[in-house]
Amino acid sequence: MFRWAGKVALVTGASSGIGASIVKDLAKQGVITVAVARRLDRIQELANEVKSEPGKVYPLKADLTNEQDIVNAFDWVEKTLKKPVHVLVNNAGVSVLRNTIDAKMDEWKKMFDTNVYAVGICIREQLKSMKNHNVNDGHIINICSIVGHRIIDFPGFYVYTATKHAVKVITEGVRQELLKEQSHTKVTSISPGYVATELFDQAGEYSAASEEALNTLSHLQSSDISNAVIYALSLPQNVRIHELTIQATGEKF
């Protein structure tokens, strides 16, 4: 039996793509899932789509660039569900493609706020949630990227790459610190290659050209990543996947 059935998972960036696939798969496994995103209509549709599954989905609107919104989301779980957040999936991400030397700091800030700072805030709040309920066997899953491991020569992609390098280091830092505290909470980083999602829909000046170029490449589907999340969660307590890299067969990056 899936060990997380009846427990609470919180998934960020749940309105589309990888996040939506993860929410669907968790619901199928009987997990109570809080789907967090800015587009409330999209996550409400998602909740309705899976209402016949064993796990209930709660749509929750939050702007991950706003720290108080994130804190409020975890407070909502505490007050409404009265359970700890056992599973956290930091999936939300944004990419604005622009030459680094043509820097626009509002774009940099948007990427770091969403891709890095929100990850840290969510981890802090999840650990606080578990501590309040005397739980120390949760699971933190950060959706990173292959560009968190190497630098790819791709137009306008370097600042986004920097945010994913940060996520990689933060993930390892959290793992080491939890080990020192003798916590049984697992930390997993999943690094996909190119996945067909909405990431480049509003990516900036290189958006159309980049999407056209990427569409000619081998690529993954969102379900490929959600399958990996379920796999990592389904392993016994004495087994942990720390880093999992997933690429389409034939991808050249």
Protein backbone atom coordinates (compact mmCIF):
# COMPACT_ATOMS: atom_id res chain seq x y z
CA MET A 1 0.00 0.00 0.00
CA PHE A 2 1.23 3.50 -0.83
CA ARG A 3 2.59 4.82 2.46
CA TRP A 4 1.43 8.38 1.87
CA ALA A 5 -2.27 7.59 1.41
CA GLY A 6 -4.35 9.84 3.66
CA LYS A 7 -1.43 12.17 4.31
CA VAL A 8 -0.98 15.70 2.97
CA ALA A 9 1.20 16.72 0.05
CA LEU A 10 1.66 20.30 -1.16
CA VAL A 11 2.61 20.85 -4.80
CA THR A 12 3.61 24.25 -6.16
CA GLY A 13 3.16 25.30 -9.77
CA ALA A 14 0.20 22.92 -9.94
CA SER A 15 -1.88 24.65 -12.62
CA SER A 16 -0.21 23.04 -15.63
CA GLY A 17 2.54 20.81 -16.94
CA ILE A 18 4.62 18.80 -14.49
CA GLY A 19 2.81 20.16 -11.43
CA ALA A 20 -0.63 19.20 -12.72
CA SER A 21 0.60 15.70 -13.61
CA ILE A 22 2.06 15.25 -10.13
CA VAL A 23 -1.22 16.32 -8.51
CA LYS A 24 -3.17 13.82 -10.63
CA ASP A 25 -0.83 10.95 -9.80
CA LEU A 26 -0.83 11.74 -6.07
CA ALA A 27 -4.63 11.81 -6.06
CA LYS A 28 -4.67 8.38 -7.72
CA GLN A 29 -2.54 7.12 -4.83
CA GLY A 30 -4.96 8.42 -2.20
CA VAL A 31 -2.81 11.38 -1.12
CA ILE A 32 -4.56 14.52 0.14
CA THR A 33 -3.02 17.06 -2.19
CA VAL A 34 -2.93 20.84 -1.87
CA ALA A 35 -2.46 22.22 -5.39
CA VAL A 36 -0.87 25.67 -5.19
CA ALA A 37 -0.71 28.11 -8.11
CA ARG A 38 -1.60 31.67 -9.14
CA ARG A 39 -4.29 30.59 -11.63
CA LEU A 40 -7.13 29.52 -9.37
CA ASP A 41 -9.44 28.59 -12.25
CA ARG A 42 -6.88 26.12 -13.60
CA ILE A 43 -6.34 24.32 -10.28
CA GLN A 44 -10.08 24.26 -9.61
CA GLU A 45 -10.53 22.52 -12.97
CA LEU A 46 -7.77 20.11 -11.98
CA ALA A 47 -9.48 19.33 -8.67
CA ASN A 48 -12.76 18.63 -10.49
CA GLU A 49 -10.98 16.42 -12.99
CA VAL A 50 -9.70 14.06 -10.28
CA LYS A 51 -12.63 14.21 -7.85
CA SER A 52 -13.38 10.51 -8.40
CA GLU A 53 -9.85 9.50 -7.34
CA PRO A 54 -9.15 8.21 -3.79
CA GLY A 55 -7.16 11.32 -2.81
CA LYS A 56 -8.90 14.68 -2.51
CA VAL A 57 -7.33 17.73 -4.17
CA TYR A 58 -7.62 21.19 -2.60
CA PRO A 59 -6.93 24.09 -4.99
CA LEU A 60 -5.18 26.97 -3.24
CA LYS A 61 -4.26 30.28 -4.86
CA ALA A 62 -0.88 31.75 -3.94
CA ASP A 63 1.76 33.96 -5.52
CA LEU A 64 5.08 32.27 -4.82
CA THR A 65 6.96 35.55 -5.25
CA ASN A 66 5.17 36.73 -2.10
CA GLU A 67 6.51 35.19 1.12
CA GLN A 68 3.32 35.90 3.05
CA ASP A 69 1.25 34.06 0.44
CA ILE A 70 3.39 30.96 0.99
CA VAL A 71 3.14 31.23 4.77
CA ASN A 72 -0.63 31.65 4.44
CA ALA A 73 -0.85 28.50 2.32
CA PHE A 74 0.78 26.41 5.03
CA ASP A 75 -1.34 28.10 7.69
CA TRP A 76 -4.43 27.15 5.66
CA VAL A 77 -3.36 23.50 5.72
CA GLU A 78 -2.86 23.65 9.49
CA LYS A 79 -6.18 25.34 10.21
CA THR A 80 -8.32 23.53 7.63
CA LEU A 81 -6.85 20.04 7.31
CA LYS A 82 -5.27 19.96 10.78
CA LYS A 83 -2.50 17.73 9.48
CA PRO A 84 1.20 18.21 8.77
CA VAL A 85 2.49 18.59 5.24
CA HIS A 86 4.27 15.25 4.92
CA VAL A 87 5.25 15.69 1.28
CA LEU A 88 6.44 18.90 -0.39
CA VAL A 89 7.00 19.12 -4.15
CA ASN A 90 8.73 22.35 -5.14
CA ASN A 91 7.82 22.38 -8.80
CA ALA A 92 6.98 26.01 -9.66
CA GLY A 93 9.41 27.64 -12.04
CA VAL A 94 9.66 30.56 -14.41
CA SER A 95 12.11 31.36 -17.20
CA VAL A 96 12.67 34.69 -18.90
CA LEU A 97 15.04 34.33 -21.82
CA ARG A 98 17.30 37.31 -22.39
CA ASN A 99 21.01 37.86 -22.95
CA THR A 100 22.75 38.15 -19.59
CA ILE A 101 24.58 41.30 -20.68
CA ASP A 102 21.20 42.92 -21.43
CA ALA A 103 20.18 42.35 -17.84
CA LYS A 104 16.79 43.51 -16.59
CA MET A 105 16.81 43.09 -12.85
CA ASP A 106 13.03 42.78 -12.55
CA GLU A 107 13.28 39.65 -14.72
CA TRP A 108 16.16 38.28 -12.67
CA LYS A 109 14.22 38.96 -9.48
CA LYS A 110 11.13 37.18 -10.81
CA MET A 111 13.17 34.09 -11.60
CA PHE A 112 15.05 34.03 -8.30
CA ASP A 113 11.89 34.78 -6.30
CA THR A 114 10.02 31.88 -7.90
CA ASN A 115 12.77 29.36 -8.58
CA VAL A 116 14.94 29.84 -5.49
CA TYR A 117 13.46 31.90 -2.65
CA ALA A 118 10.08 30.16 -2.83
CA VAL A 119 11.84 26.81 -2.56
CA GLY A 120 13.55 27.89 0.64
CA ILE A 121 10.39 29.36 2.15
CA CYS A 122 8.34 26.25 1.34
CA ILE A 123 10.97 23.96 2.86
CA ARG A 124 11.10 26.09 6.00
CA GLU A 125 7.32 26.07 6.36
CA GLN A 126 6.99 22.35 5.67
CA LEU A 127 9.60 21.47 8.30
CA LYS A 128 7.80 23.76 10.74
CA SER A 129 4.51 22.03 9.91
CA MET A 130 5.96 18.58 10.59
CA LYS A 131 7.65 19.72 13.80
CA ASN A 132 4.34 21.06 15.11
CA HIS A 133 2.91 17.55 14.70
CA ASN A 134 6.00 15.67 15.95
CA VAL A 135 6.66 14.24 12.48
CA ASN A 136 10.19 13.73 11.15
CA ASP A 137 9.69 11.28 8.30
CA GLY A 138 8.43 13.49 5.49
CA HIS A 139 9.73 13.93 1.96
CA ILE A 140 10.97 17.05 0.16
CA ILE A 141 11.16 16.86 -3.63
CA ASN A 142 12.69 19.71 -5.59
CA ILE A 143 12.14 19.76 -9.35
CA CYS A 144 15.50 20.99 -10.58
CA SER A 145 16.84 20.67 -14.15
CA ILE A 146 19.75 19.29 -16.12
CA VAL A 147 20.89 22.91 -16.39
CA GLY A 148 21.40 22.80 -12.63
CA HIS A 149 24.30 20.42 -13.33
CA ARG A 150 25.89 21.94 -16.41
CA ILE A 151 25.81 25.09 -18.48
CA ILE A 152 24.18 24.77 -21.88
CA ASP A 153 24.89 27.26 -24.66
CA PHE A 154 21.30 28.28 -25.32
CA PRO A 155 20.09 31.84 -26.07
CA GLY A 156 19.10 33.82 -23.01
CA PHE A 157 19.17 30.78 -20.70
CA TYR A 158 22.00 31.61 -18.32
CA VAL A 159 20.16 33.35 -15.47
CA TYR A 160 17.54 30.57 -15.38
CA THR A 161 20.49 28.16 -15.29
CA ALA A 162 21.90 30.05 -12.31
CA THR A 163 18.64 29.61 -10.38
CA LYS A 164 18.73 25.86 -10.96
CA HIS A 165 22.36 25.66 -9.82
CA ALA A 166 21.17 27.37 -6.65
CA VAL A 167 18.39 24.81 -6.18
CA LYS A 168 20.91 21.99 -6.53
CA VAL A 169 23.13 23.43 -3.79
CA ILE A 170 20.20 24.25 -1.50
CA THR A 171 18.88 20.70 -1.88
CA GLU A 172 22.21 19.27 -0.76
CA GLY A 173 22.41 21.75 2.11
CA VAL A 174 18.99 20.73 3.41
CA ARG A 175 19.90 17.05 3.13
CA GLN A 176 23.10 17.51 5.13
CA GLU A 177 21.41 19.61 7.82
CA LEU A 178 18.56 17.11 8.26
CA LEU A 179 21.07 14.28 8.58
CA LYS A 180 22.84 16.16 11.37
CA GLU A 181 19.49 16.51 13.13
CA GLN A 182 18.94 12.75 12.72
CA SER A 183 15.74 13.44 10.82
CA HIS A 184 14.19 10.67 8.73
CA THR A 185 12.83 13.18 6.22
CA LYS A 186 14.10 12.41 2.74
CA VAL A 187 15.30 15.02 0.27
CA THR A 188 15.17 14.32 -3.46
CA SER A 189 16.18 16.43 -6.44
CA ILE A 190 14.70 15.48 -9.81
CA SER A 191 16.44 17.04 -12.81
CA PRO A 192 14.55 16.71 -16.11
CA GLY A 193 15.91 17.49 -19.51
CA TYR A 194 13.58 19.24 -21.94
CA VAL A 195 9.93 18.66 -21.05
CA ALA A 196 7.05 19.82 -23.25
CA THR A 197 5.40 22.33 -20.88
CA GLU A 198 4.34 25.99 -20.83
CA LEU A 199 7.72 27.14 -19.46
CA PHE A 200 8.62 29.11 -22.60
CA ASP A 201 5.18 30.54 -23.33
CA GLN A 202 6.04 33.90 -21.74
CA ALA A 203 9.78 33.54 -21.61
CA GLY A 204 10.81 36.86 -23.13
CA GLU A 205 12.56 37.97 -26.30
CA TYR A 206 13.80 34.49 -27.27
CA SER A 207 10.54 32.76 -26.39
CA ALA A 208 9.20 31.91 -29.86
CA ALA A 209 12.58 31.06 -31.36
CA SER A 210 13.53 28.92 -28.37
CA GLU A 211 10.26 27.04 -28.34
CA GLU A 212 10.53 26.38 -32.07
CA ALA A 213 14.09 25.09 -31.64
CA LEU A 214 13.20 22.93 -28.65
CA ASN A 215 10.20 21.42 -30.41
CA THR A 216 12.56 19.86 -32.93
CA LEU A 217 14.44 18.07 -30.13
CA SER A 218 13.67 14.85 -28.34
CA HIS A 219 11.64 15.71 -25.28
CA LEU A 220 9.80 14.30 -22.29
CA GLN A 221 6.17 14.59 -21.28
CA SER A 222 5.04 15.90 -17.90
CA SER A 223 3.83 12.42 -16.97
CA ASP A 224 7.42 11.14 -17.25
CA ILE A 225 8.43 13.43 -14.40
CA SER A 226 5.38 12.74 -12.25
CA ASN A 227 6.08 9.01 -12.63
CA ALA A 228 9.55 9.67 -11.21
CA VAL A 229 8.06 11.57 -8.28
CA ILE A 230 5.76 8.66 -7.47
CA TYR A 231 8.67 6.25 -7.75
CA ALA A 232 10.79 8.26 -5.31
CA LEU A 233 7.88 8.45 -2.87
CA SER A 234 7.07 4.75 -3.14
CA LEU A 235 10.45 3.46 -1.99
CA PRO A 236 10.74 1.98 1.52
CA GLN A 237 11.86 4.21 4.38
CA ASN A 238 15.41 2.82 4.31
CA VAL A 239 15.93 3.83 0.66
CA ARG A 240 16.36 7.38 -0.59
CA ILE A 241 16.88 8.80 -4.06
CA HIS A 242 18.89 11.97 -3.61
CA GLU A 243 19.39 12.92 -7.26
CA LEU A 244 17.56 11.63 -10.32
CA THR A 245 18.32 12.94 -13.82
CA ILE A 246 15.76 12.19 -16.53
CA GLN A 247 16.19 12.90 -20.23
CA ALA A 248 14.49 11.77 -23.39
CA THR A 249 16.31 9.14 -25.37
CA GLY A 250 18.17 11.01 -28.06
CA GLU A 251 18.29 14.37 -26.27
CA LYS A 252 21.64 15.95 -27.11
CA PHE A 253 22.03 18.37 -24.19
